[in-house]
Amino acid sequence: MADWGLIFSGAMVVLRCTQTLLRRLHQTPAEDAPGSSTVLGDWYANIPWVYRKPLVLAVSARTLLPVLLPVRDPASLGPRLAATLGHMLTALGIPAHQVEEEQRQMAQIAFARTVSRQILGTMNDFDRMLDPAPGQSLISAALELAEAPCGPIGMGSPDRVTLNLFDVVRASSRLT
């Protein structure tokens, strides 16, 4: 396994996985991973099953924005998460330069254990709500989940909280 102490510098994202996902990815979690450098912060991930197929449900720790992607090819999970997040952020109307910067910050990934029961509870809620129509894209299904009000973010919806967060980042970058 990688020596995580050597890669904890610069742009990176921490993916906090359930034990089930860590085993499937054949990853040993970092014991003391630093915080992510991304606007959306750390990500939590688990494996829900939809129509007898495993998916990865990843949720931003800051906004609870859900992202869904196939489990296949564990080695490419990081780049696939960044690419799928790019599609989600674009669908929400986030400007292209902010989407690209968020994806650039996700170039390195560190795996860690989950630490927030609130976020795990939200993921369980999303798992129960996840019922894509036949032929519905995973992006569309995730966007539907993102409209649900969530207690940990003051009953806001992840899509609105994400838009507000990126607006704040955009406004603060204009001031500097």
C-alpha atoms as a PDB file:
ATOM      1  CA  MET A   1       0.000   0.000   0.000  1.00  0.00           C
ATOM      2  CA  ALA A   2       1.014   3.625  -0.494  1.00  0.00           C
ATOM      3  CA  ASP A   3       2.856   5.591   2.155  1.00  0.00           C
ATOM      4  CA  TRP A   4       0.193   8.255   2.666  1.00  0.00           C
ATOM      5  CA  GLY A   5       2.605  10.489   4.581  1.00  0.00           C
ATOM      6  CA  LEU A   6       4.424  11.196   1.317  1.00  0.00           C
ATOM      7  CA  ILE A   7       1.421  12.490  -0.615  1.00  0.00           C
ATOM      8  CA  PHE A   8      -0.225  14.777   1.939  1.00  0.00           C
ATOM      9  CA  SER A   9       0.897  18.001   0.332  1.00  0.00           C
ATOM     10  CA  GLY A  10      -0.799  20.308  -2.117  1.00  0.00           C
ATOM     11  CA  ALA A  11      -4.091  19.593  -3.824  1.00  0.00           C
ATOM     12  CA  MET A  12      -5.912  16.517  -2.604  1.00  0.00           C
ATOM     13  CA  VAL A  13      -9.240  15.098  -1.569  1.00  0.00           C
ATOM     14  CA  VAL A  14      -9.961  12.712   1.295  1.00  0.00           C
ATOM     15  CA  LEU A  15     -12.456   9.964   0.525  1.00  0.00           C
ATOM     16  CA  ARG A  16     -13.882   8.659   3.803  1.00  0.00           C
ATOM     17  CA  CYS A  17     -15.138   5.179   2.980  1.00  0.00           C
ATOM     18  CA  THR A  18     -17.236   2.666   4.870  1.00  0.00           C
ATOM     19  CA  GLN A  19     -15.489  -0.596   5.753  1.00  0.00           C
ATOM     20  CA  THR A  20     -17.438  -2.337   3.003  1.00  0.00           C
ATOM     21  CA  LEU A  21     -16.100   0.013   0.346  1.00  0.00           C
ATOM     22  CA  LEU A  22     -12.543  -0.007   1.734  1.00  0.00           C
ATOM     23  CA  ARG A  23     -12.503  -3.812   1.473  1.00  0.00           C
ATOM     24  CA  ARG A  24     -13.860  -3.706  -2.070  1.00  0.00           C
ATOM     25  CA  LEU A  25     -11.221  -1.135  -3.064  1.00  0.00           C
ATOM     26  CA  HIS A  26      -8.453  -3.119  -1.319  1.00  0.00           C
ATOM     27  CA  GLN A  27      -7.389   0.073   0.494  1.00  0.00           C
ATOM     28  CA  THR A  28      -5.878   0.553   3.911  1.00  0.00           C
ATOM     29  CA  PRO A  29      -7.195   3.835   5.324  1.00  0.00           C
ATOM     30  CA  ALA A  30      -4.846   6.598   6.400  1.00  0.00           C
ATOM     31  CA  GLU A  31      -4.922   7.003  10.166  1.00  0.00           C
ATOM     32  CA  ASP A  32      -4.619  10.782  10.270  1.00  0.00           C
ATOM     33  CA  ALA A  33      -5.579  12.182   6.891  1.00  0.00           C
ATOM     34  CA  PRO A  34      -5.596  15.978   6.656  1.00  0.00           C
ATOM     35  CA  GLY A  35      -8.627  17.863   5.404  1.00  0.00           C
ATOM     36  CA  SER A  36      -9.297  18.105   1.694  1.00  0.00           C
ATOM     37  CA  SER A  37      -8.158  21.153  -0.274  1.00  0.00           C
ATOM     38  CA  THR A  38     -11.374  21.174  -2.311  1.00  0.00           C
ATOM     39  CA  VAL A  39     -14.275  23.610  -1.912  1.00  0.00           C
ATOM     40  CA  LEU A  40     -16.600  20.678  -1.175  1.00  0.00           C
ATOM     41  CA  GLY A  41     -14.253  19.241   1.470  1.00  0.00           C
ATOM     42  CA  ASP A  42     -13.917  15.567   2.328  1.00  0.00           C
ATOM     43  CA  TRP A  43     -16.166  13.009   0.647  1.00  0.00           C
ATOM     44  CA  TYR A  44     -17.943  10.072   2.267  1.00  0.00           C
ATOM     45  CA  ALA A  45     -18.626   6.960   0.213  1.00  0.00           C
ATOM     46  CA  ASN A  46     -20.542   3.707   0.507  1.00  0.00           C
ATOM     47  CA  ILE A  47     -21.934   0.998  -1.758  1.00  0.00           C
ATOM     48  CA  PRO A  48     -25.715   0.971  -2.188  1.00  0.00           C
ATOM     49  CA  TRP A  49     -27.307  -1.675  -4.392  1.00  0.00           C
ATOM     50  CA  VAL A  50     -29.782  -0.576  -7.065  1.00  0.00           C
ATOM     51  CA  TYR A  51     -31.539  -3.203  -9.150  1.00  0.00           C
ATOM     52  CA  ARG A  52     -28.978  -5.778  -7.955  1.00  0.00           C
ATOM     53  CA  LYS A  53     -26.069  -3.644  -9.137  1.00  0.00           C
ATOM     54  CA  PRO A  54     -23.560  -2.038  -6.789  1.00  0.00           C
ATOM     55  CA  LEU A  55     -22.959   1.693  -7.057  1.00  0.00           C
ATOM     56  CA  VAL A  56     -20.730   4.128  -5.228  1.00  0.00           C
ATOM     57  CA  LEU A  57     -22.681   6.817  -3.422  1.00  0.00           C
ATOM     58  CA  ALA A  58     -20.294   9.645  -2.549  1.00  0.00           C
ATOM     59  CA  VAL A  59     -21.453  12.646  -0.501  1.00  0.00           C
ATOM     60  CA  SER A  60     -19.663  15.945   0.090  1.00  0.00           C
ATOM     61  CA  ALA A  61     -19.041  16.523   3.792  1.00  0.00           C
ATOM     62  CA  ARG A  62     -19.712  20.271   3.454  1.00  0.00           C
ATOM     63  CA  THR A  63     -22.883  20.332   1.358  1.00  0.00           C
ATOM     64  CA  LEU A  64     -24.076  16.702   1.308  1.00  0.00           C
ATOM     65  CA  LEU A  65     -24.115  16.846  -2.505  1.00  0.00           C
ATOM     66  CA  PRO A  66     -24.529  13.220  -3.654  1.00  0.00           C
ATOM     67  CA  VAL A  67     -22.660  11.692  -6.589  1.00  0.00           C
ATOM     68  CA  LEU A  68     -23.464   8.247  -8.007  1.00  0.00           C
ATOM     69  CA  LEU A  69     -21.111   6.160 -10.104  1.00  0.00           C
ATOM     70  CA  PRO A  70     -20.597   2.501 -10.990  1.00  0.00           C
ATOM     71  CA  VAL A  71     -18.344   0.464  -8.676  1.00  0.00           C
ATOM     72  CA  ARG A  72     -16.266  -0.986 -11.524  1.00  0.00           C
ATOM     73  CA  ASP A  73     -12.484  -0.567 -11.695  1.00  0.00           C
ATOM     74  CA  PRO A  74     -11.563   0.422  -8.134  1.00  0.00           C
ATOM     75  CA  ALA A  75      -8.199   1.827  -9.245  1.00  0.00           C
ATOM     76  CA  SER A  76      -9.917   4.589 -11.228  1.00  0.00           C
ATOM     77  CA  LEU A  77     -12.391   5.627  -8.519  1.00  0.00           C
ATOM     78  CA  GLY A  78     -10.685   8.982  -7.866  1.00  0.00           C
ATOM     79  CA  PRO A  79     -10.629  10.201 -11.486  1.00  0.00           C
ATOM     80  CA  ARG A  80     -14.156   8.865 -12.098  1.00  0.00           C
ATOM     81  CA  LEU A  81     -15.449  10.654  -8.982  1.00  0.00           C
ATOM     82  CA  ALA A  82     -13.862  13.919 -10.171  1.00  0.00           C
ATOM     83  CA  ALA A  83     -15.305  13.495 -13.679  1.00  0.00           C
ATOM     84  CA  THR A  84     -18.797  12.655 -12.422  1.00  0.00           C
ATOM     85  CA  LEU A  85     -18.689  15.543  -9.952  1.00  0.00           C
ATOM     86  CA  GLY A  86     -17.811  17.802 -12.878  1.00  0.00           C
ATOM     87  CA  HIS A  87     -21.003  16.719 -14.658  1.00  0.00           C
ATOM     88  CA  MET A  88     -23.031  17.305 -11.481  1.00  0.00           C
ATOM     89  CA  LEU A  89     -21.597  20.775 -10.864  1.00  0.00           C
ATOM     90  CA  THR A  90     -22.113  21.742 -14.509  1.00  0.00           C
ATOM     91  CA  ALA A  91     -25.734  20.559 -14.323  1.00  0.00           C
ATOM     92  CA  LEU A  92     -26.196  22.757 -11.245  1.00  0.00           C
ATOM     93  CA  GLY A  93     -24.887  25.769 -13.165  1.00  0.00           C
ATOM     94  CA  ILE A  94     -21.495  26.166 -11.487  1.00  0.00           C
ATOM     95  CA  PRO A  95     -19.145  28.136 -13.813  1.00  0.00           C
ATOM     96  CA  ALA A  96     -16.710  26.006 -15.818  1.00  0.00           C
ATOM     97  CA  HIS A  97     -13.576  27.534 -14.254  1.00  0.00           C
ATOM     98  CA  GLN A  98     -14.794  26.621 -10.759  1.00  0.00           C
ATOM     99  CA  VAL A  99     -15.688  23.082 -11.871  1.00  0.00           C
ATOM    100  CA  GLU A 100     -12.239  22.643 -13.404  1.00  0.00           C
ATOM    101  CA  GLU A 101     -10.512  23.947 -10.269  1.00  0.00           C
ATOM    102  CA  GLU A 102     -12.504  21.590  -8.042  1.00  0.00           C
ATOM    103  CA  GLN A 103     -11.543  18.673 -10.294  1.00  0.00           C
ATOM    104  CA  ARG A 104      -7.878  19.782 -10.295  1.00  0.00           C
ATOM    105  CA  GLN A 105      -7.913  19.809  -6.487  1.00  0.00           C
ATOM    106  CA  MET A 106      -9.107  16.177  -6.608  1.00  0.00           C
ATOM    107  CA  ALA A 107      -6.014  14.984  -8.514  1.00  0.00           C
ATOM    108  CA  GLN A 108      -4.672  13.158  -5.469  1.00  0.00           C
ATOM    109  CA  ILE A 109      -6.918  11.027  -3.293  1.00  0.00           C
ATOM    110  CA  ALA A 110      -6.379   9.705   0.218  1.00  0.00           C
ATOM    111  CA  PHE A 111      -8.596   7.006   1.672  1.00  0.00           C
ATOM    112  CA  ALA A 112      -9.719   7.277   5.277  1.00  0.00           C
ATOM    113  CA  ARG A 113     -12.381   5.898   7.608  1.00  0.00           C
ATOM    114  CA  THR A 114     -15.703   7.632   8.124  1.00  0.00           C
ATOM    115  CA  VAL A 115     -15.928   9.882  11.179  1.00  0.00           C
ATOM    116  CA  SER A 116     -19.383  11.522  10.999  1.00  0.00           C
ATOM    117  CA  ARG A 117     -22.506   9.618  11.948  1.00  0.00           C
ATOM    118  CA  GLN A 118     -24.646  12.501  10.663  1.00  0.00           C
ATOM    119  CA  ILE A 119     -23.242  12.160   7.163  1.00  0.00           C
ATOM    120  CA  LEU A 120     -23.604   8.368   7.293  1.00  0.00           C
ATOM    121  CA  GLY A 121     -27.234   8.879   8.339  1.00  0.00           C
ATOM    122  CA  THR A 122     -27.799  11.170   5.359  1.00  0.00           C
ATOM    123  CA  MET A 123     -26.218   8.564   3.095  1.00  0.00           C
ATOM    124  CA  ASN A 124     -28.621   5.958   4.484  1.00  0.00           C
ATOM    125  CA  ASP A 125     -31.509   8.340   3.771  1.00  0.00           C
ATOM    126  CA  PHE A 126     -30.259   8.813   0.205  1.00  0.00           C
ATOM    127  CA  ASP A 127     -29.928   5.040  -0.176  1.00  0.00           C
ATOM    128  CA  ARG A 128     -33.589   4.605   0.852  1.00  0.00           C
ATOM    129  CA  MET A 129     -34.722   7.403  -1.493  1.00  0.00           C
ATOM    130  CA  LEU A 130     -32.678   6.133  -4.443  1.00  0.00           C
ATOM    131  CA  ASP A 131     -35.103   4.644  -6.934  1.00  0.00           C
ATOM    132  CA  PRO A 132     -34.031   5.579 -10.457  1.00  0.00           C
ATOM    133  CA  ALA A 133     -36.482   5.009 -13.264  1.00  0.00           C
ATOM    134  CA  PRO A 134     -35.438   2.424 -15.849  1.00  0.00           C
ATOM    135  CA  GLY A 135     -32.972   4.090 -18.194  1.00  0.00           C
ATOM    136  CA  GLN A 136     -32.488   7.126 -15.939  1.00  0.00           C
ATOM    137  CA  SER A 137     -28.887   8.328 -15.810  1.00  0.00           C
ATOM    138  CA  LEU A 138     -26.975   8.245 -12.539  1.00  0.00           C
ATOM    139  CA  ILE A 139     -26.418  12.017 -12.856  1.00  0.00           C
ATOM    140  CA  SER A 140     -30.178  12.593 -13.083  1.00  0.00           C
ATOM    141  CA  ALA A 141     -30.835  10.275 -10.110  1.00  0.00           C
ATOM    142  CA  ALA A 142     -28.175  12.081  -8.036  1.00  0.00           C
ATOM    143  CA  LEU A 143     -29.637  15.476  -8.978  1.00  0.00           C
ATOM    144  CA  GLU A 144     -33.022  14.285  -7.680  1.00  0.00           C
ATOM    145  CA  LEU A 145     -31.419  13.228  -4.386  1.00  0.00           C
ATOM    146  CA  ALA A 146     -29.697  16.630  -4.199  1.00  0.00           C
ATOM    147  CA  GLU A 147     -33.089  18.348  -4.006  1.00  0.00           C
ATOM    148  CA  ALA A 148     -34.016  16.637  -0.726  1.00  0.00           C
ATOM    149  CA  PRO A 149     -33.888  18.741   2.448  1.00  0.00           C
ATOM    150  CA  CYS A 150     -31.266  17.448   4.891  1.00  0.00           C
ATOM    151  CA  GLY A 151     -31.131  18.002   8.650  1.00  0.00           C
ATOM    152  CA  PRO A 152     -27.328  18.311   8.995  1.00  0.00           C
ATOM    153  CA  ILE A 153     -27.374  21.376   6.705  1.00  0.00           C
ATOM    154  CA  GLY A 154     -30.315  23.104   8.406  1.00  0.00           C
ATOM    155  CA  MET A 155     -32.968  21.429   6.234  1.00  0.00           C
ATOM    156  CA  GLY A 156     -31.403  22.957   3.139  1.00  0.00           C
ATOM    157  CA  SER A 157     -31.066  20.928  -0.020  1.00  0.00           C
ATOM    158  CA  PRO A 158     -27.575  19.842  -1.104  1.00  0.00           C
ATOM    159  CA  ASP A 159     -28.006  21.424  -4.550  1.00  0.00           C
ATOM    160  CA  ARG A 160     -28.839  24.862  -3.084  1.00  0.00           C
ATOM    161  CA  VAL A 161     -26.159  24.657  -0.386  1.00  0.00           C
ATOM    162  CA  THR A 162     -23.589  23.724  -3.063  1.00  0.00           C
ATOM    163  CA  LEU A 163     -24.621  26.637  -5.285  1.00  0.00           C
ATOM    164  CA  ASN A 164     -24.386  29.026  -2.324  1.00  0.00           C
ATOM    165  CA  LEU A 165     -20.949  27.708  -1.338  1.00  0.00           C
ATOM    166  CA  PHE A 166     -19.557  28.229  -4.848  1.00  0.00           C
ATOM    167  CA  ASP A 167     -21.127  31.716  -4.990  1.00  0.00           C
ATOM    168  CA  VAL A 168     -19.318  32.605  -1.745  1.00  0.00           C
ATOM    169  CA  VAL A 169     -16.029  31.264  -3.133  1.00  0.00           C
ATOM    170  CA  ARG A 170     -16.544  33.218  -6.377  1.00  0.00           C
ATOM    171  CA  ALA A 171     -17.376  36.419  -4.449  1.00  0.00           C
ATOM    172  CA  SER A 172     -14.352  36.095  -2.156  1.00  0.00           C
ATOM    173  CA  SER A 173     -12.004  35.487  -5.103  1.00  0.00           C
ATOM    174  CA  ARG A 174     -13.208  38.770  -6.698  1.00  0.00           C
ATOM    175  CA  LEU A 175     -12.279  40.634  -3.507  1.00  0.00           C
ATOM    176  CA  THR A 176      -8.670  39.434  -3.523  1.00  0.00           C
END
